[in-house]
Amino acid sequence: MIYVVATLTVKPETRAEFIAAATACIVETRKEKGNIAYDLHESVTDPAKMVFVEQWENMEALGPHRTAEHMKTFGRVAVKCMTAPPKIEYITPEKVETR
């Protein structure tokens, strides 16, 4: 299993446009093979920071996701809305033994 945490900072005046494009992208992404969860969150300390938290079956599922048409469409809007490049982290759950 792989998680993706993508943090984007958006211009306040483009927030509504960004959320509308993200919502359309989320609907389509959740239909993708290998997607377990795909959600958008807003920072409680900085409303300009938007955070996607994604859960995928494996890293291979991300290949088709990156090139999907809905991602391209979202990307064209997001690039106009962001103040800086996104910060993307790939993480996996740590296996912790419990007794």
N, C-alpha and C. Protein backbone atom coordinates (compact mmCIF):
# COMPACT_ATOMS: atom_id res chain seq x y z
N MET A 1 0.85 -1.16 0.00
CA MET A 1 0.00 0.00 0.00
C MET A 1 0.90 1.23 0.00
N ILE A 2 0.43 2.26 -0.68
CA ILE A 2 1.18 3.52 -0.76
C ILE A 2 0.21 4.68 -0.52
N TYR A 3 0.70 5.65 0.21
CA TYR A 3 -0.04 6.88 0.42
C TYR A 3 0.69 8.00 -0.30
N VAL A 4 -0.07 8.95 -0.80
CA VAL A 4 0.50 10.15 -1.40
C VAL A 4 -0.09 11.33 -0.64
N VAL A 5 0.78 12.22 -0.19
CA VAL A 5 0.35 13.45 0.47
C VAL A 5 0.89 14.60 -0.37
N ALA A 6 -0.03 15.32 -1.00
CA ALA A 6 0.36 16.43 -1.88
C ALA A 6 -0.16 17.73 -1.28
N THR A 7 0.77 18.63 -0.96
CA THR A 7 0.42 19.91 -0.36
C THR A 7 0.58 21.00 -1.40
N LEU A 8 -0.49 21.75 -1.62
CA LEU A 8 -0.48 22.83 -2.60
C LEU A 8 -0.91 24.12 -1.91
N THR A 9 -0.26 25.20 -2.27
CA THR A 9 -0.63 26.51 -1.75
C THR A 9 -1.28 27.28 -2.88
N VAL A 10 -2.52 27.73 -2.64
CA VAL A 10 -3.28 28.40 -3.69
C VAL A 10 -3.50 29.87 -3.36
N LYS A 11 -3.62 30.65 -4.41
CA LYS A 11 -3.91 32.07 -4.27
C LYS A 11 -5.35 32.20 -3.73
N PRO A 12 -5.57 33.06 -2.75
CA PRO A 12 -6.92 33.19 -2.18
C PRO A 12 -8.00 33.47 -3.23
N GLU A 13 -7.66 34.28 -4.23
CA GLU A 13 -8.66 34.65 -5.24
C GLU A 13 -8.99 33.52 -6.22
N THR A 14 -8.21 32.45 -6.19
CA THR A 14 -8.47 31.31 -7.09
C THR A 14 -8.96 30.07 -6.34
N ARG A 15 -9.18 30.22 -5.03
CA ARG A 15 -9.57 29.09 -4.18
C ARG A 15 -10.81 28.36 -4.71
N ALA A 16 -11.86 29.08 -5.03
CA ALA A 16 -13.10 28.46 -5.50
C ALA A 16 -12.87 27.71 -6.82
N GLU A 17 -12.11 28.30 -7.72
CA GLU A 17 -11.80 27.66 -9.00
C GLU A 17 -11.00 26.38 -8.77
N PHE A 18 -10.03 26.45 -7.86
CA PHE A 18 -9.21 25.29 -7.54
C PHE A 18 -10.07 24.16 -6.97
N ILE A 19 -10.92 24.48 -6.01
CA ILE A 19 -11.77 23.46 -5.37
C ILE A 19 -12.72 22.84 -6.38
N ALA A 20 -13.27 23.63 -7.28
CA ALA A 20 -14.18 23.08 -8.30
C ALA A 20 -13.44 22.10 -9.20
N ALA A 21 -12.24 22.46 -9.64
CA ALA A 21 -11.46 21.56 -10.49
C ALA A 21 -11.03 20.32 -9.72
N ALA A 22 -10.64 20.49 -8.46
CA ALA A 22 -10.23 19.36 -7.62
C ALA A 22 -11.39 18.40 -7.41
N THR A 23 -12.58 18.93 -7.20
CA THR A 23 -13.77 18.09 -6.97
C THR A 23 -14.04 17.21 -8.18
N ALA A 24 -13.97 17.77 -9.37
CA ALA A 24 -14.18 16.98 -10.58
C ALA A 24 -13.10 15.91 -10.72
N CYS A 25 -11.87 16.26 -10.39
CA CYS A 25 -10.77 15.30 -10.47
C CYS A 25 -10.94 14.18 -9.45
N ILE A 26 -11.37 14.52 -8.25
CA ILE A 26 -11.57 13.53 -7.20
C ILE A 26 -12.61 12.50 -7.62
N VAL A 27 -13.71 12.95 -8.19
CA VAL A 27 -14.77 12.04 -8.62
C VAL A 27 -14.22 11.00 -9.59
N GLU A 28 -13.44 11.44 -10.56
CA GLU A 28 -12.89 10.52 -11.56
C GLU A 28 -11.76 9.65 -11.00
N THR A 29 -10.93 10.22 -10.14
CA THR A 29 -9.82 9.46 -9.57
C THR A 29 -10.33 8.31 -8.72
N ARG A 30 -11.39 8.52 -7.98
CA ARG A 30 -11.93 7.45 -7.13
C ARG A 30 -12.43 6.26 -7.93
N LYS A 31 -12.62 6.42 -9.24
CA LYS A 31 -13.03 5.33 -10.12
C LYS A 31 -11.84 4.54 -10.66
N GLU A 32 -10.63 5.05 -10.47
CA GLU A 32 -9.44 4.43 -11.05
C GLU A 32 -9.10 3.11 -10.36
N LYS A 33 -8.59 2.19 -11.18
CA LYS A 33 -8.13 0.91 -10.67
C LYS A 33 -6.96 1.17 -9.71
N GLY A 34 -7.01 0.55 -8.56
CA GLY A 34 -5.94 0.67 -7.58
C GLY A 34 -6.13 1.80 -6.57
N ASN A 35 -7.12 2.67 -6.80
CA ASN A 35 -7.36 3.74 -5.84
C ASN A 35 -8.21 3.23 -4.69
N ILE A 36 -7.77 3.52 -3.48
CA ILE A 36 -8.51 3.14 -2.27
C ILE A 36 -9.20 4.37 -1.69
N ALA A 37 -8.50 5.48 -1.66
CA ALA A 37 -9.07 6.73 -1.13
C ALA A 37 -8.38 7.92 -1.79
N TYR A 38 -9.12 9.00 -1.94
CA TYR A 38 -8.58 10.22 -2.58
C TYR A 38 -9.39 11.39 -2.05
N ASP A 39 -8.80 12.17 -1.17
CA ASP A 39 -9.53 13.24 -0.51
C ASP A 39 -8.73 14.53 -0.50
N LEU A 40 -9.45 15.65 -0.46
CA LEU A 40 -8.85 16.97 -0.37
C LEU A 40 -9.16 17.54 1.00
N HIS A 41 -8.13 18.10 1.65
CA HIS A 41 -8.28 18.71 2.97
C HIS A 41 -7.73 20.13 2.93
N GLU A 42 -8.24 20.95 3.84
CA GLU A 42 -7.76 22.32 3.96
C GLU A 42 -7.05 22.46 5.31
N SER A 43 -5.90 23.11 5.31
CA SER A 43 -5.18 23.37 6.55
C SER A 43 -6.04 24.22 7.48
N VAL A 44 -6.05 23.88 8.77
CA VAL A 44 -6.80 24.69 9.73
C VAL A 44 -6.02 25.92 10.17
N THR A 45 -4.72 25.95 9.87
CA THR A 45 -3.90 27.10 10.25
C THR A 45 -3.60 28.02 9.07
N ASP A 46 -3.78 27.51 7.85
CA ASP A 46 -3.50 28.33 6.66
C ASP A 46 -4.47 27.93 5.56
N PRO A 47 -5.56 28.69 5.38
CA PRO A 47 -6.58 28.32 4.39
C PRO A 47 -6.08 28.31 2.95
N ALA A 48 -4.89 28.83 2.70
CA ALA A 48 -4.32 28.77 1.36
C ALA A 48 -3.69 27.40 1.07
N LYS A 49 -3.44 26.62 2.11
CA LYS A 49 -2.83 25.30 1.93
C LYS A 49 -3.91 24.23 1.78
N MET A 50 -3.85 23.54 0.66
CA MET A 50 -4.77 22.46 0.36
C MET A 50 -3.95 21.17 0.30
N VAL A 51 -4.46 20.11 0.90
CA VAL A 51 -3.69 18.87 1.00
C VAL A 51 -4.52 17.71 0.46
N PHE A 52 -3.99 17.07 -0.57
CA PHE A 52 -4.58 15.83 -1.06
C PHE A 52 -3.97 14.68 -0.27
N VAL A 53 -4.80 13.79 0.23
CA VAL A 53 -4.33 12.57 0.87
C VAL A 53 -4.91 11.42 0.06
N GLU A 54 -4.00 10.65 -0.52
CA GLU A 54 -4.39 9.57 -1.42
C GLU A 54 -3.93 8.23 -0.86
N GLN A 55 -4.69 7.20 -1.13
CA GLN A 55 -4.30 5.84 -0.75
C GLN A 55 -4.46 4.95 -1.98
N TRP A 56 -3.39 4.22 -2.31
CA TRP A 56 -3.36 3.38 -3.50
C TRP A 56 -2.93 1.97 -3.13
N GLU A 57 -3.37 1.01 -3.91
CA GLU A 57 -2.99 -0.38 -3.67
C GLU A 57 -1.48 -0.58 -3.76
N ASN A 58 -0.85 0.10 -4.73
CA ASN A 58 0.59 -0.02 -4.93
C ASN A 58 1.09 1.14 -5.79
N MET A 59 2.39 1.24 -5.90
CA MET A 59 3.02 2.32 -6.66
C MET A 59 2.67 2.23 -8.15
N GLU A 60 2.48 1.03 -8.66
CA GLU A 60 2.18 0.84 -10.08
C GLU A 60 0.85 1.51 -10.47
N ALA A 61 -0.08 1.60 -9.54
CA ALA A 61 -1.38 2.22 -9.83
C ALA A 61 -1.24 3.72 -10.10
N LEU A 62 -0.15 4.31 -9.65
CA LEU A 62 0.04 5.75 -9.85
C LEU A 62 0.41 6.11 -11.28
N GLY A 63 1.00 5.18 -12.03
CA GLY A 63 1.39 5.48 -13.41
C GLY A 63 0.22 5.94 -14.26
N PRO A 64 -0.83 5.11 -14.37
CA PRO A 64 -2.01 5.54 -15.15
C PRO A 64 -2.70 6.77 -14.56
N HIS A 65 -2.65 6.92 -13.25
CA HIS A 65 -3.27 8.08 -12.62
C HIS A 65 -2.61 9.39 -13.08
N ARG A 66 -1.30 9.39 -13.12
CA ARG A 66 -0.57 10.61 -13.51
C ARG A 66 -0.88 11.05 -14.93
N THR A 67 -1.20 10.10 -15.81
CA THR A 67 -1.43 10.44 -17.21
C THR A 67 -2.91 10.47 -17.59
N ALA A 68 -3.79 10.28 -16.60
CA ALA A 68 -5.23 10.28 -16.87
C ALA A 68 -5.69 11.66 -17.35
N GLU A 69 -6.67 11.67 -18.21
CA GLU A 69 -7.17 12.93 -18.77
C GLU A 69 -7.68 13.87 -17.69
N HIS A 70 -8.36 13.34 -16.68
CA HIS A 70 -8.88 14.21 -15.61
C HIS A 70 -7.74 14.85 -14.81
N MET A 71 -6.60 14.17 -14.72
CA MET A 71 -5.44 14.77 -14.05
C MET A 71 -4.84 15.89 -14.90
N LYS A 72 -4.82 15.69 -16.20
CA LYS A 72 -4.32 16.74 -17.09
C LYS A 72 -5.21 17.98 -17.01
N THR A 73 -6.52 17.76 -17.00
CA THR A 73 -7.48 18.86 -16.90
C THR A 73 -7.30 19.60 -15.59
N PHE A 74 -7.20 18.84 -14.49
CA PHE A 74 -6.99 19.46 -13.19
C PHE A 74 -5.67 20.23 -13.17
N GLY A 75 -4.63 19.65 -13.71
CA GLY A 75 -3.32 20.27 -13.72
C GLY A 75 -3.30 21.62 -14.41
N ARG A 76 -4.07 21.75 -15.50
CA ARG A 76 -4.13 23.02 -16.22
C ARG A 76 -4.75 24.12 -15.35
N VAL A 77 -5.71 23.75 -14.53
CA VAL A 77 -6.32 24.73 -13.63
C VAL A 77 -5.41 24.98 -12.42
N ALA A 78 -4.92 23.91 -11.82
CA ALA A 78 -4.12 24.02 -10.60
C ALA A 78 -2.89 24.89 -10.80
N VAL A 79 -2.23 24.74 -11.93
CA VAL A 79 -1.00 25.51 -12.16
C VAL A 79 -1.28 27.02 -12.15
N LYS A 80 -2.46 27.42 -12.55
CA LYS A 80 -2.82 28.84 -12.53
C LYS A 80 -3.18 29.32 -11.12
N CYS A 81 -3.56 28.37 -10.27
CA CYS A 81 -4.04 28.71 -8.93
C CYS A 81 -2.95 28.67 -7.86
N MET A 82 -1.88 27.94 -8.10
CA MET A 82 -0.84 27.74 -7.08
C MET A 82 0.15 28.90 -7.02
N THR A 83 0.68 29.11 -5.83
CA THR A 83 1.70 30.14 -5.64
C THR A 83 3.11 29.55 -5.72
N ALA A 84 3.22 28.23 -5.68
CA ALA A 84 4.52 27.54 -5.72
C ALA A 84 4.27 26.11 -6.19
N PRO A 85 5.31 25.41 -6.59
CA PRO A 85 5.13 24.01 -6.98
C PRO A 85 4.62 23.19 -5.79
N PRO A 86 3.85 22.14 -6.06
CA PRO A 86 3.33 21.32 -4.96
C PRO A 86 4.45 20.52 -4.29
N LYS A 87 4.24 20.21 -3.03
CA LYS A 87 5.15 19.32 -2.30
C LYS A 87 4.45 17.96 -2.25
N ILE A 88 5.09 16.95 -2.83
CA ILE A 88 4.48 15.62 -2.91
C ILE A 88 5.35 14.63 -2.16
N GLU A 89 4.71 13.90 -1.25
CA GLU A 89 5.40 12.88 -0.47
C GLU A 89 4.73 11.53 -0.71
N TYR A 90 5.55 10.50 -0.85
CA TYR A 90 5.08 9.13 -0.98
C TYR A 90 5.45 8.42 0.30
N ILE A 91 4.46 7.85 0.97
CA ILE A 91 4.72 7.19 2.24
C ILE A 91 4.06 5.82 2.28
N THR A 92 4.60 4.94 3.10
CA THR A 92 4.03 3.62 3.29
C THR A 92 3.84 3.40 4.78
N PRO A 93 2.85 2.59 5.16
CA PRO A 93 2.65 2.32 6.58
C PRO A 93 3.82 1.54 7.16
N GLU A 94 4.19 1.90 8.35
CA GLU A 94 5.25 1.18 9.06
C GLU A 94 4.61 -0.03 9.74
N LYS A 95 5.26 -1.16 9.61
CA LYS A 95 4.76 -2.37 10.28
C LYS A 95 5.26 -2.35 11.71
N VAL A 96 4.35 -2.23 12.63
CA VAL A 96 4.69 -2.18 14.04
C VAL A 96 4.12 -3.42 14.72
N GLU A 97 4.97 -4.13 15.41
CA GLU A 97 4.50 -5.31 16.12
C GLU A 97 3.83 -4.89 17.42
N THR A 98 2.70 -5.47 17.69
CA THR A 98 2.02 -5.24 18.96
C THR A 98 1.87 -6.56 19.69
N ARG A 99 1.84 -6.51 20.95
CA ARG A 99 1.73 -7.75 21.74
C ARG A 99 0.35 -7.92 22.28
